[in-house]
Amino acid sequence: MAMKLYGVPMSTCTTRVMACLHEKGADFELVPVNLGTGEHKQPPFLSKNPFGQIPVLEDGDLTLFESRAITAYVAEKCKETGTDLMRHKNPNEAVMVKVWMEVESQTFNPAISPVVMEYVIGPSMGKKTEQAVVDACMGKLGKVLDVYESRLSMCKYLAGDFYSMADLHHLPFMHYFMTTPCASMVKDRPHVMAWWQDISSRPAFKKMVGAMTFG
């Protein structure tokens, strides 16, 4: 039985899970959730995720929410197929994947997500960009990208010379960020830019890009 993923393609969290499912060659069905009508706030959906957020994954009797938890589950369930995103057979590589997954979650994401909200998501809902919010994030994001530039000058991907979940988790927000006036922050760092061009060209991610649009 195919797994069911409840969400929408333009959602960064939904896309994060879909990229993982595609990398693993997993059989799944995307079940659209109508955010415009507040479907995610209604009892049927809240029974799957009491916080009323997408995505949600159903696999038989198991129901999961939170995108990073879902990708961890998919990587474990499908560890013998597709791309080895967690480097299960090499403890040293596996722990480096976890280190950079934490960096993405705790340091990169808080710096980049407000920028995407202000330039991409907010305007799609008729909101004006608040430049003060963007400016407050630029210094933080610049420091993160400087660390990435240094790291990626030593290895092809964040956890080493192999593509992993650490890289995959960056895809959704990076995709939208590169459409903003701040994209030069990536383009001006040659190793970060080369990394972005590499990971964004993967077939698993390119399957979704056409549907990743707001407004």
N, C-alpha and C. Protein backbone atom coordinates (compact mmCIF):
# COMPACT_ATOMS: atom_id res chain seq x y z
N MET A 1 0.84 -1.19 0.00
CA MET A 1 0.00 0.00 0.00
C MET A 1 0.88 1.24 0.00
N ALA A 2 0.57 2.20 -0.88
CA ALA A 2 1.36 3.42 -0.97
C ALA A 2 1.15 4.30 0.25
N MET A 3 2.20 4.96 0.66
CA MET A 3 2.08 5.95 1.72
C MET A 3 1.27 7.14 1.20
N LYS A 4 0.57 7.81 2.10
CA LYS A 4 -0.19 9.00 1.75
C LYS A 4 0.46 10.22 2.38
N LEU A 5 0.72 11.23 1.56
CA LEU A 5 1.31 12.47 2.04
C LEU A 5 0.29 13.59 1.86
N TYR A 6 -0.14 14.15 2.97
CA TYR A 6 -1.11 15.25 2.94
C TYR A 6 -0.35 16.57 2.95
N GLY A 7 -0.57 17.39 1.92
CA GLY A 7 0.13 18.66 1.85
C GLY A 7 -0.12 19.35 0.53
N VAL A 8 0.70 20.34 0.22
CA VAL A 8 0.63 21.05 -1.06
C VAL A 8 2.04 21.25 -1.59
N PRO A 9 2.23 21.15 -2.92
CA PRO A 9 3.58 21.18 -3.49
C PRO A 9 4.36 22.45 -3.24
N MET A 10 3.68 23.61 -3.08
CA MET A 10 4.44 24.84 -2.87
C MET A 10 4.94 24.99 -1.44
N SER A 11 4.43 24.18 -0.53
CA SER A 11 4.85 24.22 0.87
C SER A 11 6.28 23.73 1.02
N THR A 12 7.11 24.50 1.70
CA THR A 12 8.51 24.09 1.90
C THR A 12 8.61 22.76 2.64
N CYS A 13 7.75 22.58 3.63
CA CYS A 13 7.81 21.34 4.42
C CYS A 13 7.33 20.14 3.61
N THR A 14 6.28 20.34 2.82
CA THR A 14 5.80 19.26 1.95
C THR A 14 6.86 18.89 0.93
N THR A 15 7.48 19.90 0.34
CA THR A 15 8.50 19.66 -0.66
C THR A 15 9.70 18.92 -0.08
N ARG A 16 10.05 19.25 1.15
CA ARG A 16 11.16 18.57 1.82
C ARG A 16 10.90 17.06 1.88
N VAL A 17 9.68 16.70 2.23
CA VAL A 17 9.32 15.28 2.32
C VAL A 17 9.26 14.65 0.94
N MET A 18 8.66 15.34 -0.02
CA MET A 18 8.55 14.80 -1.37
C MET A 18 9.92 14.54 -1.99
N ALA A 19 10.87 15.45 -1.76
CA ALA A 19 12.22 15.25 -2.28
C ALA A 19 12.82 13.97 -1.72
N CYS A 20 12.60 13.73 -0.44
CA CYS A 20 13.10 12.52 0.19
C CYS A 20 12.43 11.28 -0.39
N LEU A 21 11.12 11.31 -0.53
CA LEU A 21 10.39 10.17 -1.08
C LEU A 21 10.86 9.85 -2.50
N HIS A 22 11.08 10.89 -3.31
CA HIS A 22 11.56 10.68 -4.67
C HIS A 22 12.98 10.11 -4.67
N GLU A 23 13.85 10.62 -3.79
CA GLU A 23 15.22 10.11 -3.73
C GLU A 23 15.24 8.63 -3.36
N LYS A 24 14.30 8.22 -2.53
CA LYS A 24 14.24 6.82 -2.10
C LYS A 24 13.43 5.94 -3.05
N GLY A 25 12.82 6.54 -4.05
CA GLY A 25 12.01 5.77 -4.99
C GLY A 25 10.79 5.16 -4.31
N ALA A 26 10.27 5.85 -3.30
CA ALA A 26 9.16 5.32 -2.52
C ALA A 26 7.83 5.53 -3.23
N ASP A 27 6.92 4.60 -3.01
CA ASP A 27 5.58 4.68 -3.58
C ASP A 27 4.71 5.52 -2.64
N PHE A 28 4.21 6.65 -3.13
CA PHE A 28 3.37 7.49 -2.27
C PHE A 28 2.32 8.22 -3.10
N GLU A 29 1.29 8.66 -2.43
CA GLU A 29 0.22 9.44 -3.05
C GLU A 29 0.16 10.79 -2.36
N LEU A 30 0.21 11.87 -3.14
CA LEU A 30 0.07 13.20 -2.58
C LEU A 30 -1.42 13.53 -2.50
N VAL A 31 -1.89 13.79 -1.29
CA VAL A 31 -3.29 14.15 -1.05
C VAL A 31 -3.35 15.65 -0.79
N PRO A 32 -3.85 16.43 -1.75
CA PRO A 32 -3.87 17.89 -1.58
C PRO A 32 -4.72 18.33 -0.39
N VAL A 33 -4.22 19.33 0.33
CA VAL A 33 -4.95 19.92 1.45
C VAL A 33 -5.28 21.36 1.06
N ASN A 34 -6.54 21.72 1.11
CA ASN A 34 -6.97 23.05 0.70
C ASN A 34 -6.76 24.04 1.84
N LEU A 35 -5.64 24.72 1.80
CA LEU A 35 -5.33 25.69 2.85
C LEU A 35 -6.24 26.90 2.76
N GLY A 36 -6.68 27.24 1.55
CA GLY A 36 -7.52 28.41 1.36
C GLY A 36 -8.85 28.32 2.08
N THR A 37 -9.38 27.11 2.18
CA THR A 37 -10.65 26.91 2.87
C THR A 37 -10.46 26.51 4.33
N GLY A 38 -9.18 26.45 4.75
CA GLY A 38 -8.89 26.08 6.14
C GLY A 38 -9.09 24.61 6.43
N GLU A 39 -8.92 23.78 5.41
CA GLU A 39 -9.10 22.35 5.61
C GLU A 39 -8.18 21.79 6.70
N HIS A 40 -6.99 22.37 6.81
CA HIS A 40 -6.01 21.90 7.79
C HIS A 40 -6.39 22.25 9.23
N LYS A 41 -7.42 23.10 9.38
CA LYS A 41 -7.88 23.49 10.72
C LYS A 41 -9.18 22.79 11.11
N GLN A 42 -9.64 21.89 10.25
CA GLN A 42 -10.89 21.18 10.50
C GLN A 42 -10.62 19.84 11.21
N PRO A 43 -11.62 19.33 11.95
CA PRO A 43 -11.44 18.10 12.75
C PRO A 43 -10.84 16.91 12.00
N PRO A 44 -11.25 16.62 10.75
CA PRO A 44 -10.64 15.45 10.09
C PRO A 44 -9.12 15.55 9.97
N PHE A 45 -8.63 16.76 9.62
CA PHE A 45 -7.18 16.93 9.52
C PHE A 45 -6.54 17.02 10.90
N LEU A 46 -7.18 17.70 11.81
CA LEU A 46 -6.63 17.85 13.16
C LEU A 46 -6.48 16.50 13.86
N SER A 47 -7.25 15.51 13.44
CA SER A 47 -7.10 14.17 14.01
C SER A 47 -5.80 13.53 13.56
N LYS A 48 -5.22 14.05 12.48
CA LYS A 48 -3.94 13.55 11.99
C LYS A 48 -2.78 14.37 12.56
N ASN A 49 -2.99 15.69 12.67
CA ASN A 49 -1.99 16.58 13.26
C ASN A 49 -2.72 17.62 14.10
N PRO A 50 -2.67 17.50 15.41
CA PRO A 50 -3.42 18.43 16.27
C PRO A 50 -2.95 19.87 16.18
N PHE A 51 -1.78 20.11 15.57
CA PHE A 51 -1.28 21.47 15.42
C PHE A 51 -1.78 22.12 14.14
N GLY A 52 -2.48 21.35 13.30
CA GLY A 52 -3.07 21.90 12.10
C GLY A 52 -2.06 22.36 11.07
N GLN A 53 -0.97 21.62 10.92
CA GLN A 53 0.08 22.00 9.99
C GLN A 53 0.36 20.86 9.02
N ILE A 54 0.74 21.22 7.80
CA ILE A 54 1.16 20.23 6.82
C ILE A 54 2.68 20.17 6.81
N PRO A 55 3.22 19.01 6.37
CA PRO A 55 2.55 17.83 5.84
C PRO A 55 2.27 16.80 6.93
N VAL A 56 1.48 15.81 6.54
CA VAL A 56 1.23 14.64 7.37
C VAL A 56 1.46 13.41 6.49
N LEU A 57 2.11 12.41 7.03
CA LEU A 57 2.34 11.16 6.30
C LEU A 57 1.58 10.03 6.98
N GLU A 58 0.84 9.27 6.22
CA GLU A 58 0.18 8.07 6.71
C GLU A 58 0.79 6.86 6.03
N ASP A 59 1.21 5.90 6.83
CA ASP A 59 1.77 4.65 6.31
C ASP A 59 1.12 3.51 7.10
N GLY A 60 0.05 2.98 6.56
CA GLY A 60 -0.70 1.97 7.29
C GLY A 60 -1.34 2.58 8.52
N ASP A 61 -1.05 2.01 9.68
CA ASP A 61 -1.61 2.52 10.93
C ASP A 61 -0.79 3.66 11.53
N LEU A 62 0.34 3.97 10.91
CA LEU A 62 1.22 5.02 11.43
C LEU A 62 0.89 6.38 10.82
N THR A 63 0.75 7.38 11.66
CA THR A 63 0.54 8.75 11.20
C THR A 63 1.64 9.64 11.78
N LEU A 64 2.32 10.38 10.90
CA LEU A 64 3.43 11.23 11.33
C LEU A 64 3.22 12.66 10.85
N PHE A 65 3.65 13.62 11.67
CA PHE A 65 3.74 15.01 11.22
C PHE A 65 5.12 15.54 11.59
N GLU A 66 5.42 16.75 11.14
CA GLU A 66 6.75 17.39 11.22
C GLU A 66 7.65 16.82 10.11
N SER A 67 7.99 17.68 9.17
CA SER A 67 8.66 17.22 7.95
C SER A 67 9.99 16.51 8.20
N ARG A 68 10.79 17.00 9.12
CA ARG A 68 12.09 16.38 9.35
C ARG A 68 11.95 15.01 10.01
N ALA A 69 10.94 14.85 10.84
CA ALA A 69 10.67 13.53 11.42
C ALA A 69 10.20 12.57 10.34
N ILE A 70 9.41 13.08 9.41
CA ILE A 70 8.91 12.24 8.32
C ILE A 70 10.07 11.79 7.42
N THR A 71 10.98 12.70 7.08
CA THR A 71 12.10 12.31 6.22
C THR A 71 12.98 11.28 6.92
N ALA A 72 13.16 11.41 8.23
CA ALA A 72 13.95 10.42 8.98
C ALA A 72 13.28 9.06 8.91
N TYR A 73 11.96 9.03 9.03
CA TYR A 73 11.23 7.77 8.94
C TYR A 73 11.36 7.15 7.56
N VAL A 74 11.18 7.96 6.53
CA VAL A 74 11.27 7.44 5.16
C VAL A 74 12.66 6.90 4.88
N ALA A 75 13.68 7.62 5.33
CA ALA A 75 15.06 7.18 5.11
C ALA A 75 15.33 5.84 5.78
N GLU A 76 14.76 5.64 6.96
CA GLU A 76 14.95 4.38 7.68
C GLU A 76 14.13 3.25 7.04
N LYS A 77 12.87 3.54 6.74
CA LYS A 77 11.98 2.54 6.15
C LYS A 77 12.51 2.05 4.81
N CYS A 78 13.07 2.97 4.03
CA CYS A 78 13.51 2.65 2.67
C CYS A 78 15.04 2.65 2.56
N LYS A 79 15.73 2.29 3.63
CA LYS A 79 17.19 2.43 3.64
C LYS A 79 17.90 1.52 2.63
N GLU A 80 17.22 0.49 2.15
CA GLU A 80 17.86 -0.41 1.19
C GLU A 80 17.61 0.02 -0.25
N THR A 81 16.85 1.07 -0.47
CA THR A 81 16.54 1.51 -1.83
C THR A 81 16.91 2.98 -2.03
N GLY A 82 17.12 3.35 -3.27
CA GLY A 82 17.38 4.74 -3.60
C GLY A 82 18.67 5.27 -3.01
N THR A 83 18.75 6.58 -2.88
CA THR A 83 19.94 7.26 -2.37
C THR A 83 20.07 7.03 -0.87
N ASP A 84 21.28 6.69 -0.42
CA ASP A 84 21.53 6.50 1.02
C ASP A 84 21.70 7.87 1.66
N LEU A 85 20.60 8.46 2.05
CA LEU A 85 20.62 9.83 2.56
C LEU A 85 21.17 9.96 3.97
N MET A 86 21.19 8.86 4.73
CA MET A 86 21.65 8.92 6.12
C MET A 86 22.97 8.19 6.34
N ARG A 87 23.53 7.61 5.29
CA ARG A 87 24.84 6.92 5.36
C ARG A 87 24.82 5.85 6.46
N HIS A 88 23.83 4.99 6.39
CA HIS A 88 23.59 3.99 7.43
C HIS A 88 24.79 3.07 7.70
N LYS A 89 25.60 2.80 6.69
CA LYS A 89 26.66 1.80 6.83
C LYS A 89 27.99 2.36 7.30
N ASN A 90 28.05 3.68 7.50
CA ASN A 90 29.31 4.30 7.91
C ASN A 90 29.03 5.24 9.08
N PRO A 91 29.34 4.84 10.31
CA PRO A 91 29.02 5.66 11.48
C PRO A 91 29.62 7.06 11.44
N ASN A 92 30.83 7.19 10.94
CA ASN A 92 31.47 8.51 10.88
C ASN A 92 30.76 9.44 9.91
N GLU A 93 30.35 8.89 8.76
CA GLU A 93 29.61 9.69 7.80
C GLU A 93 28.21 9.98 8.32
N ALA A 94 27.59 9.00 8.96
CA ALA A 94 26.23 9.16 9.48
C ALA A 94 26.15 10.28 10.51
N VAL A 95 27.14 10.37 11.36
CA VAL A 95 27.09 11.41 12.40
C VAL A 95 27.31 12.79 11.79
N MET A 96 28.11 12.87 10.72
CA MET A 96 28.29 14.16 10.06
C MET A 96 27.01 14.61 9.37
N VAL A 97 26.25 13.66 8.85
CA VAL A 97 24.95 14.00 8.28
C VAL A 97 24.06 14.61 9.36
N LYS A 98 24.06 14.00 10.53
CA LYS A 98 23.23 14.51 11.64
C LYS A 98 23.69 15.90 12.10
N VAL A 99 25.00 16.11 12.12
CA VAL A 99 25.52 17.42 12.52
C VAL A 99 24.98 18.51 11.60
N TRP A 100 25.07 18.28 10.29
CA TRP A 100 24.67 19.32 9.34
C TRP A 100 23.16 19.40 9.18
N MET A 101 22.46 18.34 9.51
CA MET A 101 21.00 18.44 9.59
C MET A 101 20.60 19.37 10.73
N GLU A 102 21.32 19.30 11.83
CA GLU A 102 21.06 20.20 12.96
C GLU A 102 21.38 21.65 12.60
N VAL A 103 22.47 21.84 11.86
CA VAL A 103 22.83 23.19 11.44
C VAL A 103 21.71 23.78 10.58
N GLU A 104 21.21 22.97 9.65
CA GLU A 104 20.11 23.44 8.80
C GLU A 104 18.90 23.83 9.63
N SER A 105 18.53 22.96 10.55
CA SER A 105 17.31 23.17 11.34
C SER A 105 17.43 24.33 12.32
N GLN A 106 18.56 24.41 13.01
CA GLN A 106 18.70 25.35 14.12
C GLN A 106 19.34 26.69 13.75
N THR A 107 20.11 26.73 12.67
CA THR A 107 20.85 27.94 12.32
C THR A 107 20.46 28.50 10.95
N PHE A 108 20.50 27.66 9.93
CA PHE A 108 20.17 28.11 8.58
C PHE A 108 18.70 28.47 8.43
N ASN A 109 17.82 27.59 8.83
CA ASN A 109 16.39 27.79 8.63
C ASN A 109 15.86 29.06 9.32
N PRO A 110 16.22 29.32 10.58
CA PRO A 110 15.72 30.56 11.21
C PRO A 110 16.19 31.84 10.53
N ALA A 111 17.33 31.77 9.85
CA ALA A 111 17.86 32.97 9.19
C ALA A 111 17.24 33.19 7.82
N ILE A 112 16.98 32.11 7.09
CA ILE A 112 16.51 32.26 5.71
C ILE A 112 14.99 32.30 5.60
N SER A 113 14.28 31.63 6.48
CA SER A 113 12.83 31.52 6.33
C SER A 113 12.10 32.87 6.41
N PRO A 114 12.51 33.81 7.28
CA PRO A 114 11.82 35.10 7.28
C PRO A 114 12.00 35.87 5.98
N VAL A 115 13.15 35.69 5.33
CA VAL A 115 13.40 36.38 4.06
C VAL A 115 12.45 35.86 2.99
N VAL A 116 12.30 34.55 2.94
CA VAL A 116 11.38 33.94 1.98
C VAL A 116 9.94 34.35 2.29
N MET A 117 9.63 34.41 3.56
CA MET A 117 8.28 34.85 3.95
C MET A 117 8.01 36.27 3.47
N GLU A 118 8.98 37.16 3.64
CA GLU A 118 8.78 38.56 3.29
C GLU A 118 8.76 38.81 1.79
N TYR A 119 9.59 38.09 1.04
CA TYR A 119 9.70 38.35 -0.38
C TYR A 119 8.80 37.48 -1.25
N VAL A 120 8.45 36.29 -0.77
CA VAL A 120 7.73 35.33 -1.62
C VAL A 120 6.34 35.00 -1.08
N ILE A 121 6.29 34.47 0.12
CA ILE A 121 5.02 33.97 0.64
C ILE A 121 4.08 35.11 1.02
N GLY A 122 4.58 36.10 1.74
CA GLY A 122 3.75 37.22 2.14
C GLY A 122 3.11 37.95 0.97
N PRO A 123 3.91 38.37 -0.02
CA PRO A 123 3.33 39.06 -1.18
C PRO A 123 2.28 38.25 -1.92
N SER A 124 2.42 36.92 -1.91
CA SER A 124 1.41 36.09 -2.58
C SER A 124 0.06 36.18 -1.89
N MET A 125 0.08 36.65 -0.63
CA MET A 125 -1.16 36.82 0.13
C MET A 125 -1.54 38.29 0.25
N GLY A 126 -0.88 39.13 -0.57
CA GLY A 126 -1.23 40.54 -0.59
C GLY A 126 -0.52 41.39 0.46
N LYS A 127 0.49 40.83 1.11
CA LYS A 127 1.20 41.58 2.14
C LYS A 127 2.43 42.27 1.55
N LYS A 128 2.77 43.41 2.09
CA LYS A 128 3.96 44.14 1.65
C LYS A 128 5.20 43.62 2.36
N THR A 129 6.30 43.62 1.64
CA THR A 129 7.57 43.20 2.23
C THR A 129 8.01 44.20 3.30
N GLU A 130 8.33 43.70 4.46
CA GLU A 130 8.85 44.55 5.53
C GLU A 130 10.38 44.48 5.48
N GLN A 131 10.98 45.50 4.93
CA GLN A 131 12.43 45.50 4.71
C GLN A 131 13.20 45.38 6.02
N ALA A 132 12.64 45.88 7.10
CA ALA A 132 13.32 45.81 8.39
C ALA A 132 13.51 44.36 8.83
N VAL A 133 12.52 43.53 8.52
CA VAL A 133 12.61 42.10 8.87
C VAL A 133 13.70 41.44 8.04
N VAL A 134 13.72 41.77 6.75
CA VAL A 134 14.75 41.22 5.86
C VAL A 134 16.14 41.64 6.33
N ASP A 135 16.29 42.92 6.61
CA ASP A 135 17.59 43.44 7.02
C ASP A 135 18.09 42.78 8.31
N ALA A 136 17.17 42.49 9.21
CA ALA A 136 17.55 41.87 10.47
C ALA A 136 18.09 40.46 10.28
N CYS A 137 17.69 39.82 9.18
CA CYS A 137 18.13 38.44 8.93
C CYS A 137 19.39 38.36 8.08
N MET A 138 19.70 39.42 7.36
CA MET A 138 20.80 39.37 6.41
C MET A 138 22.15 39.09 7.07
N GLY A 139 22.38 39.74 8.21
CA GLY A 139 23.65 39.51 8.90
C GLY A 139 23.78 38.07 9.38
N LYS A 140 22.70 37.56 9.94
CA LYS A 140 22.70 36.17 10.43
C LYS A 140 22.92 35.19 9.28
N LEU A 141 22.19 35.41 8.19
CA LEU A 141 22.31 34.50 7.06
C LEU A 141 23.69 34.59 6.42
N GLY A 142 24.23 35.79 6.36
CA GLY A 142 25.57 35.96 5.80
C GLY A 142 26.61 35.17 6.57
N LYS A 143 26.51 35.17 7.89
CA LYS A 143 27.46 34.41 8.71
C LYS A 143 27.31 32.91 8.47
N VAL A 144 26.07 32.46 8.32
CA VAL A 144 25.84 31.03 8.04
C VAL A 144 26.45 30.66 6.69
N LEU A 145 26.20 31.49 5.69
CA LEU A 145 26.71 31.19 4.36
C LEU A 145 28.23 31.28 4.29
N ASP A 146 28.84 32.10 5.13
CA ASP A 146 30.30 32.13 5.20
C ASP A 146 30.84 30.81 5.72
N VAL A 147 30.17 30.25 6.72
CA VAL A 147 30.56 28.94 7.24
C VAL A 147 30.38 27.88 6.15
N TYR A 148 29.28 27.95 5.42
CA TYR A 148 29.04 27.00 4.34
C TYR A 148 30.11 27.13 3.26
N GLU A 149 30.48 28.35 2.92
CA GLU A 149 31.50 28.56 1.89
C GLU A 149 32.81 27.89 2.30
N SER A 150 33.18 28.04 3.56
CA SER A 150 34.39 27.41 4.06
C SER A 150 34.28 25.90 4.03
N ARG A 151 33.17 25.40 4.51
CA ARG A 151 32.95 23.95 4.55
C ARG A 151 32.97 23.36 3.14
N LEU A 152 32.26 24.01 2.22
CA LEU A 152 32.14 23.47 0.87
C LEU A 152 33.40 23.67 0.03
N SER A 153 34.36 24.42 0.54
CA SER A 153 35.66 24.51 -0.12
C SER A 153 36.50 23.27 0.18
N MET A 154 36.06 22.51 1.20
CA MET A 154 36.80 21.32 1.62
C MET A 154 36.14 20.02 1.18
N CYS A 155 34.82 20.05 0.91
CA CYS A 155 34.13 18.85 0.47
C CYS A 155 32.97 19.27 -0.43
N LYS A 156 32.50 18.35 -1.25
CA LYS A 156 31.51 18.68 -2.26
C LYS A 156 30.14 19.00 -1.67
N TYR A 157 29.80 18.28 -0.60
CA TYR A 157 28.51 18.47 0.05
C TYR A 157 28.74 18.77 1.53
N LEU A 158 27.69 19.11 2.25
CA LEU A 158 27.88 19.58 3.62
C LEU A 158 28.44 18.51 4.56
N ALA A 159 27.98 17.29 4.44
CA ALA A 159 28.44 16.24 5.35
C ALA A 159 29.70 15.52 4.85
N GLY A 160 30.08 15.77 3.62
CA GLY A 160 31.25 15.11 3.05
C GLY A 160 31.15 15.10 1.54
N ASP A 161 31.83 14.18 0.90
CA ASP A 161 31.80 14.10 -0.57
C ASP A 161 30.66 13.20 -1.05
N PHE A 162 29.52 13.34 -0.44
CA PHE A 162 28.35 12.54 -0.80
C PHE A 162 27.09 13.36 -0.51
N TYR A 163 26.10 13.21 -1.36
CA TYR A 163 24.82 13.89 -1.15
C TYR A 163 24.07 13.19 -0.03
N SER A 164 23.47 13.98 0.86
CA SER A 164 22.80 13.39 2.01
C SER A 164 21.56 14.17 2.40
N MET A 165 20.91 13.72 3.45
CA MET A 165 19.72 14.40 3.96
C MET A 165 20.05 15.83 4.38
N ALA A 166 21.27 16.07 4.81
CA ALA A 166 21.67 17.42 5.22
C ALA A 166 21.54 18.40 4.07
N ASP A 167 21.91 17.98 2.86
CA ASP A 167 21.77 18.83 1.69
C ASP A 167 20.30 18.94 1.28
N LEU A 168 19.63 17.81 1.25
CA LEU A 168 18.22 17.77 0.82
C LEU A 168 17.35 18.71 1.63
N HIS A 169 17.56 18.77 2.94
CA HIS A 169 16.72 19.61 3.78
C HIS A 169 16.81 21.09 3.44
N HIS A 170 17.86 21.50 2.75
CA HIS A 170 18.02 22.90 2.37
C HIS A 170 17.22 23.28 1.12
N LEU A 171 16.82 22.31 0.34
CA LEU A 171 16.28 22.57 -0.99
C LEU A 171 15.09 23.54 -1.04
N PRO A 172 14.03 23.33 -0.25
CA PRO A 172 12.84 24.17 -0.43
C PRO A 172 13.09 25.66 -0.20
N PHE A 173 13.68 26.02 0.92
CA PHE A 173 13.89 27.44 1.19
C PHE A 173 14.93 28.05 0.25
N MET A 174 15.95 27.29 -0.09
CA MET A 174 16.95 27.79 -1.04
C MET A 174 16.30 28.07 -2.39
N HIS A 175 15.41 27.20 -2.81
CA HIS A 175 14.74 27.39 -4.10
C HIS A 175 14.03 28.75 -4.14
N TYR A 176 13.25 29.04 -3.12
CA TYR A 176 12.52 30.31 -3.09
C TYR A 176 13.46 31.50 -2.87
N PHE A 177 14.47 31.29 -2.03
CA PHE A 177 15.42 32.37 -1.75
C PHE A 177 16.11 32.84 -3.03
N MET A 178 16.39 31.90 -3.93
CA MET A 178 17.12 32.25 -5.15
C MET A 178 16.26 33.04 -6.13
N THR A 179 14.98 33.23 -5.82
CA THR A 179 14.12 34.08 -6.65
C THR A 179 14.02 35.49 -6.08
N THR A 180 14.66 35.75 -4.96
CA THR A 180 14.55 37.04 -4.28
C THR A 180 15.72 37.96 -4.64
N PRO A 181 15.63 39.24 -4.31
CA PRO A 181 16.74 40.16 -4.56
C PRO A 181 17.98 39.83 -3.74
N CYS A 182 17.84 38.94 -2.78
CA CYS A 182 18.98 38.57 -1.91
C CYS A 182 19.79 37.40 -2.46
N ALA A 183 19.42 36.89 -3.63
CA ALA A 183 20.08 35.71 -4.18
C ALA A 183 21.58 35.90 -4.38
N SER A 184 22.00 37.17 -4.50
CA SER A 184 23.44 37.43 -4.68
C SER A 184 24.26 36.93 -3.50
N MET A 185 23.64 36.77 -2.35
CA MET A 185 24.36 36.25 -1.19
C MET A 185 24.88 34.85 -1.45
N VAL A 186 24.17 34.10 -2.26
CA VAL A 186 24.61 32.76 -2.66
C VAL A 186 25.54 32.87 -3.87
N LYS A 187 25.14 33.64 -4.85
CA LYS A 187 25.91 33.75 -6.10
C LYS A 187 27.32 34.30 -5.86
N ASP A 188 27.48 35.13 -4.84
CA ASP A 188 28.79 35.73 -4.57
C ASP A 188 29.72 34.80 -3.79
N ARG A 189 29.22 33.65 -3.40
CA ARG A 189 30.04 32.65 -2.71
C ARG A 189 30.17 31.45 -3.63
N PRO A 190 31.28 31.32 -4.34
CA PRO A 190 31.40 30.33 -5.43
C PRO A 190 31.16 28.89 -5.02
N HIS A 191 31.62 28.50 -3.85
CA HIS A 191 31.41 27.10 -3.44
C HIS A 191 29.97 26.84 -3.04
N VAL A 192 29.34 27.82 -2.41
CA VAL A 192 27.92 27.68 -2.07
C VAL A 192 27.09 27.64 -3.35
N MET A 193 27.43 28.47 -4.30
CA MET A 193 26.68 28.51 -5.56
C MET A 193 26.84 27.19 -6.32
N ALA A 194 28.04 26.66 -6.36
CA ALA A 194 28.26 25.39 -7.05
C ALA A 194 27.48 24.27 -6.38
N TRP A 195 27.46 24.29 -5.06
CA TRP A 195 26.68 23.31 -4.29
C TRP A 195 25.20 23.44 -4.61
N TRP A 196 24.68 24.67 -4.62
CA TRP A 196 23.27 24.88 -4.91
C TRP A 196 22.92 24.39 -6.32
N GLN A 197 23.75 24.72 -7.30
CA GLN A 197 23.49 24.28 -8.66
C GLN A 197 23.47 22.76 -8.75
N ASP A 198 24.33 22.12 -7.98
CA ASP A 198 24.39 20.65 -7.97
C ASP A 198 23.13 20.05 -7.35
N ILE A 199 22.80 20.46 -6.14
CA ILE A 199 21.68 19.79 -5.45
C ILE A 199 20.33 20.14 -6.08
N SER A 200 20.21 21.33 -6.65
CA SER A 200 18.94 21.73 -7.25
C SER A 200 18.72 21.09 -8.62
N SER A 201 19.75 20.48 -9.17
CA SER A 201 19.63 19.83 -10.48
C SER A 201 19.32 18.34 -10.37
N ARG A 202 19.20 17.84 -9.15
CA ARG A 202 18.92 16.42 -8.97
C ARG A 202 17.52 16.09 -9.51
N PRO A 203 17.38 14.95 -10.20
CA PRO A 203 16.09 14.58 -10.78
C PRO A 203 14.96 14.53 -9.76
N ALA A 204 15.25 14.09 -8.54
CA ALA A 204 14.21 13.99 -7.51
C ALA A 204 13.62 15.34 -7.18
N PHE A 205 14.45 16.38 -7.18
CA PHE A 205 13.97 17.72 -6.88
C PHE A 205 13.32 18.36 -8.09
N LYS A 206 13.88 18.12 -9.27
CA LYS A 206 13.34 18.74 -10.47
C LYS A 206 11.93 18.26 -10.79
N LYS A 207 11.55 17.12 -10.25
CA LYS A 207 10.18 16.64 -10.45
C LYS A 207 9.15 17.57 -9.85
N MET A 208 9.57 18.37 -8.86
CA MET A 208 8.62 19.17 -8.10
C MET A 208 8.66 20.67 -8.41
N VAL A 209 9.73 21.11 -9.03
CA VAL A 209 9.98 22.55 -9.16
C VAL A 209 8.82 23.27 -9.85
N GLY A 210 8.24 22.66 -10.88
CA GLY A 210 7.16 23.29 -11.62
C GLY A 210 5.95 23.65 -10.77
N ALA A 211 5.73 22.89 -9.70
CA ALA A 211 4.57 23.12 -8.85
C ALA A 211 4.90 24.01 -7.64
N MET A 212 6.17 24.39 -7.51
CA MET A 212 6.58 25.22 -6.37
C MET A 212 6.44 26.70 -6.73
N THR A 213 5.22 27.18 -6.61
CA THR A 213 4.96 28.57 -6.96
C THR A 213 3.84 29.13 -6.08
N PHE A 214 3.99 30.39 -5.72
CA PHE A 214 2.97 31.09 -4.95
C PHE A 214 2.35 32.17 -5.81
N GLY A 215 1.06 32.40 -5.59
CA GLY A 215 0.41 33.51 -6.30
C GLY A 215 0.08 33.18 -7.74
